Amino acid sequence: MSLSNNKITYIPKEIYLLIQLKTLYLSCNQISSEGIPENITNLTQLTDLYLSSNKITYIPECICDLTSLKKIFFDENDFSSMEFTDSLSKLTNLKTLFLNNTILD
């Protein structure tokens, strides 16, 4: 499913009803870290998550509970720290993590 380039600031709650969803494109929006709610964990089949070019400053813990994820795209965001790296160890299926052009304060 693609919701890229829509200027949305949070992930719409209706998305969480799509429990068979495998790929979610949310790039080029205005989603902040707070715009990623806990119930994203309902997407247990999600393998690819695209959150490039948003306003994300940290990776919410709930992202690290999506254990089916194989690819995460966080490039071109403004992370305030790399504190999330320990939490990512729960993503045992993760093969690719994109952080290109990401500002790390």
N, C-alpha and C. Protein backbone atom coordinates (compact mmCIF):
# COMPACT_ATOMS: atom_id res chain seq x y z
N MET A 1 0.84 -1.16 0.00
CA MET A 1 0.00 0.00 0.00
C MET A 1 0.89 1.22 0.00
N SER A 2 0.52 2.21 -0.79
CA SER A 2 1.31 3.44 -0.86
C SER A 2 0.49 4.65 -0.42
N LEU A 3 1.04 5.35 0.57
CA LEU A 3 0.49 6.63 1.01
C LEU A 3 1.58 7.69 0.93
N SER A 4 2.54 7.48 0.08
CA SER A 4 3.64 8.43 -0.08
C SER A 4 3.16 9.72 -0.71
N ASN A 5 3.88 10.80 -0.41
CA ASN A 5 3.63 12.13 -1.01
C ASN A 5 2.22 12.64 -0.73
N ASN A 6 1.76 12.51 0.49
CA ASN A 6 0.41 12.98 0.84
C ASN A 6 0.37 14.01 1.96
N LYS A 7 1.52 14.41 2.46
CA LYS A 7 1.61 15.40 3.54
C LYS A 7 0.90 14.96 4.81
N ILE A 8 0.78 13.65 5.03
CA ILE A 8 0.16 13.19 6.26
C ILE A 8 1.14 13.31 7.42
N THR A 9 0.62 13.52 8.62
CA THR A 9 1.46 13.72 9.80
C THR A 9 1.46 12.53 10.74
N TYR A 10 0.58 11.58 10.49
CA TYR A 10 0.52 10.37 11.30
C TYR A 10 0.01 9.22 10.44
N ILE A 11 0.24 8.01 10.89
CA ILE A 11 -0.22 6.85 10.15
C ILE A 11 -1.71 6.66 10.45
N PRO A 12 -2.55 6.68 9.43
CA PRO A 12 -4.00 6.57 9.66
C PRO A 12 -4.37 5.26 10.35
N LYS A 13 -5.31 5.34 11.29
CA LYS A 13 -5.69 4.16 12.08
C LYS A 13 -6.28 3.04 11.24
N GLU A 14 -6.86 3.36 10.11
CA GLU A 14 -7.45 2.34 9.25
C GLU A 14 -6.40 1.35 8.73
N ILE A 15 -5.17 1.79 8.63
CA ILE A 15 -4.08 0.94 8.15
C ILE A 15 -3.94 -0.31 9.03
N TYR A 16 -4.19 -0.15 10.31
CA TYR A 16 -3.96 -1.24 11.25
C TYR A 16 -4.97 -2.37 11.14
N LEU A 17 -6.00 -2.17 10.34
CA LEU A 17 -6.97 -3.22 10.08
C LEU A 17 -6.49 -4.16 8.97
N LEU A 18 -5.48 -3.74 8.25
CA LEU A 18 -4.96 -4.51 7.11
C LEU A 18 -3.87 -5.47 7.59
N ILE A 19 -4.28 -6.44 8.36
CA ILE A 19 -3.31 -7.29 9.05
C ILE A 19 -2.49 -8.18 8.12
N GLN A 20 -2.90 -8.32 6.87
CA GLN A 20 -2.13 -9.11 5.90
C GLN A 20 -1.16 -8.25 5.09
N LEU A 21 -1.13 -6.96 5.37
CA LEU A 21 -0.29 -6.03 4.63
C LEU A 21 1.18 -6.41 4.75
N LYS A 22 1.88 -6.44 3.61
CA LYS A 22 3.30 -6.82 3.60
C LYS A 22 4.22 -5.63 3.36
N THR A 23 3.77 -4.66 2.57
CA THR A 23 4.60 -3.50 2.24
C THR A 23 3.80 -2.23 2.46
N LEU A 24 4.43 -1.27 3.14
CA LEU A 24 3.76 -0.01 3.43
C LEU A 24 4.69 1.14 3.07
N TYR A 25 4.27 1.93 2.07
CA TYR A 25 5.02 3.10 1.62
C TYR A 25 4.43 4.34 2.27
N LEU A 26 5.23 5.01 3.09
CA LEU A 26 4.82 6.24 3.75
C LEU A 26 5.86 7.35 3.55
N SER A 27 6.68 7.22 2.54
CA SER A 27 7.75 8.18 2.31
C SER A 27 7.20 9.53 1.84
N CYS A 28 8.03 10.55 2.03
CA CYS A 28 7.73 11.91 1.56
C CYS A 28 6.43 12.45 2.13
N ASN A 29 6.28 12.33 3.43
CA ASN A 29 5.16 12.90 4.16
C ASN A 29 5.71 13.78 5.26
N GLN A 30 4.94 14.02 6.28
CA GLN A 30 5.38 14.82 7.42
C GLN A 30 5.15 14.06 8.73
N ILE A 31 5.35 12.76 8.66
CA ILE A 31 5.12 11.90 9.81
C ILE A 31 6.25 12.08 10.82
N SER A 32 5.87 12.33 12.06
CA SER A 32 6.85 12.44 13.14
C SER A 32 6.93 11.09 13.86
N SER A 33 7.87 10.97 14.77
CA SER A 33 7.97 9.74 15.55
C SER A 33 6.69 9.49 16.34
N GLU A 34 6.08 10.57 16.83
CA GLU A 34 4.84 10.46 17.58
C GLU A 34 3.66 10.08 16.68
N GLY A 35 3.81 10.22 15.38
CA GLY A 35 2.76 9.86 14.43
C GLY A 35 2.75 8.38 14.08
N ILE A 36 3.60 7.61 14.77
CA ILE A 36 3.65 6.16 14.58
C ILE A 36 3.14 5.53 15.88
N PRO A 37 1.85 5.22 15.93
CA PRO A 37 1.27 4.72 17.18
C PRO A 37 1.57 3.25 17.46
N GLU A 38 1.33 2.87 18.70
CA GLU A 38 1.60 1.51 19.16
C GLU A 38 0.90 0.43 18.34
N ASN A 39 -0.30 0.72 17.84
CA ASN A 39 -1.03 -0.34 17.16
C ASN A 39 -0.48 -0.66 15.77
N ILE A 40 0.65 -0.10 15.41
CA ILE A 40 1.33 -0.55 14.18
C ILE A 40 1.74 -2.01 14.35
N THR A 41 1.85 -2.45 15.58
CA THR A 41 2.22 -3.84 15.84
C THR A 41 1.16 -4.83 15.36
N ASN A 42 -0.04 -4.35 15.02
CA ASN A 42 -1.07 -5.21 14.43
C ASN A 42 -0.65 -5.73 13.06
N LEU A 43 0.29 -5.05 12.43
CA LEU A 43 0.74 -5.42 11.08
C LEU A 43 1.82 -6.50 11.17
N THR A 44 1.43 -7.64 11.64
CA THR A 44 2.40 -8.71 11.92
C THR A 44 3.03 -9.32 10.68
N GLN A 45 2.43 -9.11 9.50
CA GLN A 45 2.97 -9.66 8.26
C GLN A 45 3.85 -8.66 7.51
N LEU A 46 3.98 -7.45 8.04
CA LEU A 46 4.72 -6.39 7.35
C LEU A 46 6.20 -6.75 7.21
N THR A 47 6.69 -6.73 5.97
CA THR A 47 8.09 -7.05 5.71
C THR A 47 8.89 -5.83 5.26
N ASP A 48 8.24 -4.86 4.62
CA ASP A 48 8.93 -3.67 4.10
C ASP A 48 8.21 -2.41 4.56
N LEU A 49 8.94 -1.53 5.22
CA LEU A 49 8.37 -0.29 5.74
C LEU A 49 9.20 0.88 5.23
N TYR A 50 8.56 1.76 4.48
CA TYR A 50 9.22 2.92 3.87
C TYR A 50 8.78 4.18 4.58
N LEU A 51 9.68 4.77 5.33
CA LEU A 51 9.40 6.02 6.05
C LEU A 51 10.45 7.08 5.72
N SER A 52 10.97 7.04 4.54
CA SER A 52 11.98 8.02 4.11
C SER A 52 11.36 9.41 3.99
N SER A 53 12.18 10.42 4.19
CA SER A 53 11.78 11.82 3.97
C SER A 53 10.54 12.21 4.76
N ASN A 54 10.63 12.02 6.07
CA ASN A 54 9.57 12.44 6.98
C ASN A 54 10.20 13.33 8.05
N LYS A 55 9.57 13.41 9.19
CA LYS A 55 10.07 14.23 10.30
C LYS A 55 10.34 13.37 11.53
N ILE A 56 10.90 12.21 11.28
CA ILE A 56 11.15 11.25 12.35
C ILE A 56 12.46 11.59 13.06
N THR A 57 12.39 11.68 14.40
CA THR A 57 13.57 12.02 15.18
C THR A 57 14.10 10.84 15.99
N TYR A 58 13.27 9.82 16.16
CA TYR A 58 13.70 8.59 16.82
C TYR A 58 12.81 7.45 16.33
N ILE A 59 13.28 6.23 16.49
CA ILE A 59 12.50 5.07 16.09
C ILE A 59 11.69 4.62 17.30
N PRO A 60 10.37 4.71 17.20
CA PRO A 60 9.54 4.26 18.33
C PRO A 60 9.75 2.77 18.61
N GLU A 61 9.69 2.41 19.87
CA GLU A 61 9.89 1.03 20.29
C GLU A 61 8.95 0.07 19.58
N CYS A 62 7.74 0.53 19.27
CA CYS A 62 6.77 -0.37 18.63
C CYS A 62 7.24 -0.84 17.26
N ILE A 63 8.06 -0.06 16.56
CA ILE A 63 8.60 -0.49 15.27
C ILE A 63 9.45 -1.76 15.46
N CYS A 64 10.14 -1.81 16.58
CA CYS A 64 11.02 -2.95 16.86
C CYS A 64 10.25 -4.20 17.26
N ASP A 65 8.94 -4.08 17.40
CA ASP A 65 8.11 -5.24 17.68
C ASP A 65 7.54 -5.85 16.40
N LEU A 66 7.85 -5.25 15.26
CA LEU A 66 7.41 -5.78 13.96
C LEU A 66 8.45 -6.79 13.48
N THR A 67 8.42 -7.95 14.06
CA THR A 67 9.50 -8.92 13.87
C THR A 67 9.56 -9.53 12.47
N SER A 68 8.55 -9.31 11.64
CA SER A 68 8.60 -9.80 10.25
C SER A 68 9.33 -8.85 9.32
N LEU A 69 9.67 -7.66 9.81
CA LEU A 69 10.33 -6.67 8.95
C LEU A 69 11.65 -7.18 8.41
N LYS A 70 11.82 -7.00 7.10
CA LYS A 70 13.07 -7.34 6.43
C LYS A 70 13.80 -6.09 5.96
N LYS A 71 13.02 -5.04 5.63
CA LYS A 71 13.60 -3.78 5.15
C LYS A 71 12.91 -2.61 5.82
N ILE A 72 13.72 -1.68 6.29
CA ILE A 72 13.19 -0.42 6.83
C ILE A 72 13.95 0.71 6.16
N PHE A 73 13.20 1.67 5.66
CA PHE A 73 13.78 2.84 5.02
C PHE A 73 13.51 4.06 5.88
N PHE A 74 14.57 4.59 6.50
CA PHE A 74 14.47 5.78 7.34
C PHE A 74 15.36 6.90 6.79
N ASP A 75 15.79 6.78 5.55
CA ASP A 75 16.69 7.80 5.01
C ASP A 75 15.99 9.16 4.93
N GLU A 76 16.81 10.19 5.00
CA GLU A 76 16.38 11.59 4.93
C GLU A 76 15.40 11.96 6.04
N ASN A 77 15.74 11.59 7.26
CA ASN A 77 15.02 12.02 8.46
C ASN A 77 16.04 12.71 9.37
N ASP A 78 15.59 13.24 10.48
CA ASP A 78 16.46 13.98 11.40
C ASP A 78 16.50 13.32 12.77
N PHE A 79 17.21 12.20 12.87
CA PHE A 79 17.30 11.52 14.15
C PHE A 79 18.09 12.34 15.15
N SER A 80 17.58 12.40 16.37
CA SER A 80 18.29 13.15 17.40
C SER A 80 19.36 12.30 18.09
N SER A 81 19.28 10.98 17.92
CA SER A 81 20.31 10.11 18.50
C SER A 81 20.24 8.73 17.84
N MET A 82 21.22 7.93 18.17
CA MET A 82 21.25 6.55 17.67
C MET A 82 20.87 5.58 18.79
N GLU A 83 20.15 6.04 19.79
CA GLU A 83 19.80 5.20 20.93
C GLU A 83 18.95 3.99 20.55
N PHE A 84 18.37 4.02 19.37
CA PHE A 84 17.48 2.94 18.94
C PHE A 84 18.22 1.67 18.55
N THR A 85 19.52 1.71 18.42
CA THR A 85 20.24 0.56 17.87
C THR A 85 20.08 -0.71 18.69
N ASP A 86 19.99 -0.62 20.00
CA ASP A 86 19.79 -1.82 20.82
C ASP A 86 18.43 -2.44 20.57
N SER A 87 17.41 -1.64 20.41
CA SER A 87 16.06 -2.14 20.17
C SER A 87 15.96 -2.87 18.84
N LEU A 88 16.74 -2.46 17.87
CA LEU A 88 16.69 -3.08 16.55
C LEU A 88 17.13 -4.55 16.59
N SER A 89 17.81 -4.95 17.63
CA SER A 89 18.26 -6.34 17.72
C SER A 89 17.08 -7.31 17.81
N LYS A 90 15.90 -6.82 18.17
CA LYS A 90 14.70 -7.68 18.20
C LYS A 90 14.22 -8.03 16.80
N LEU A 91 14.66 -7.28 15.81
CA LEU A 91 14.23 -7.50 14.43
C LEU A 91 15.14 -8.54 13.78
N THR A 92 14.92 -9.78 14.13
CA THR A 92 15.82 -10.85 13.70
C THR A 92 15.74 -11.16 12.20
N ASN A 93 14.68 -10.72 11.53
CA ASN A 93 14.55 -10.92 10.08
C ASN A 93 15.05 -9.73 9.27
N LEU A 94 15.45 -8.67 9.95
CA LEU A 94 15.87 -7.45 9.26
C LEU A 94 17.14 -7.70 8.45
N LYS A 95 17.06 -7.40 7.16
CA LYS A 95 18.19 -7.55 6.25
C LYS A 95 18.76 -6.20 5.84
N THR A 96 17.88 -5.19 5.75
CA THR A 96 18.31 -3.89 5.23
C THR A 96 17.73 -2.76 6.06
N LEU A 97 18.60 -1.85 6.47
CA LEU A 97 18.20 -0.64 7.20
C LEU A 97 18.82 0.54 6.46
N PHE A 98 17.97 1.36 5.84
CA PHE A 98 18.45 2.52 5.10
C PHE A 98 18.42 3.76 5.98
N LEU A 99 19.57 4.41 6.12
CA LEU A 99 19.68 5.65 6.88
C LEU A 99 20.42 6.71 6.05
N ASN A 100 20.42 6.57 4.75
CA ASN A 100 21.13 7.52 3.88
C ASN A 100 20.62 8.94 4.10
N ASN A 101 21.53 9.89 4.04
CA ASN A 101 21.20 11.31 4.16
C ASN A 101 20.38 11.62 5.41
N THR A 102 20.64 10.88 6.46
CA THR A 102 19.94 11.11 7.73
C THR A 102 20.84 11.94 8.62
N ILE A 103 20.27 12.97 9.21
CA ILE A 103 21.02 13.83 10.11
C ILE A 103 20.98 13.22 11.50
N LEU A 104 22.13 13.02 12.09
CA LEU A 104 22.23 12.50 13.45
C LEU A 104 22.83 13.58 14.34
N ASP A 105 22.04 14.07 15.28
CA ASP A 105 22.54 15.08 16.21
C ASP A 105 23.30 14.44 17.33
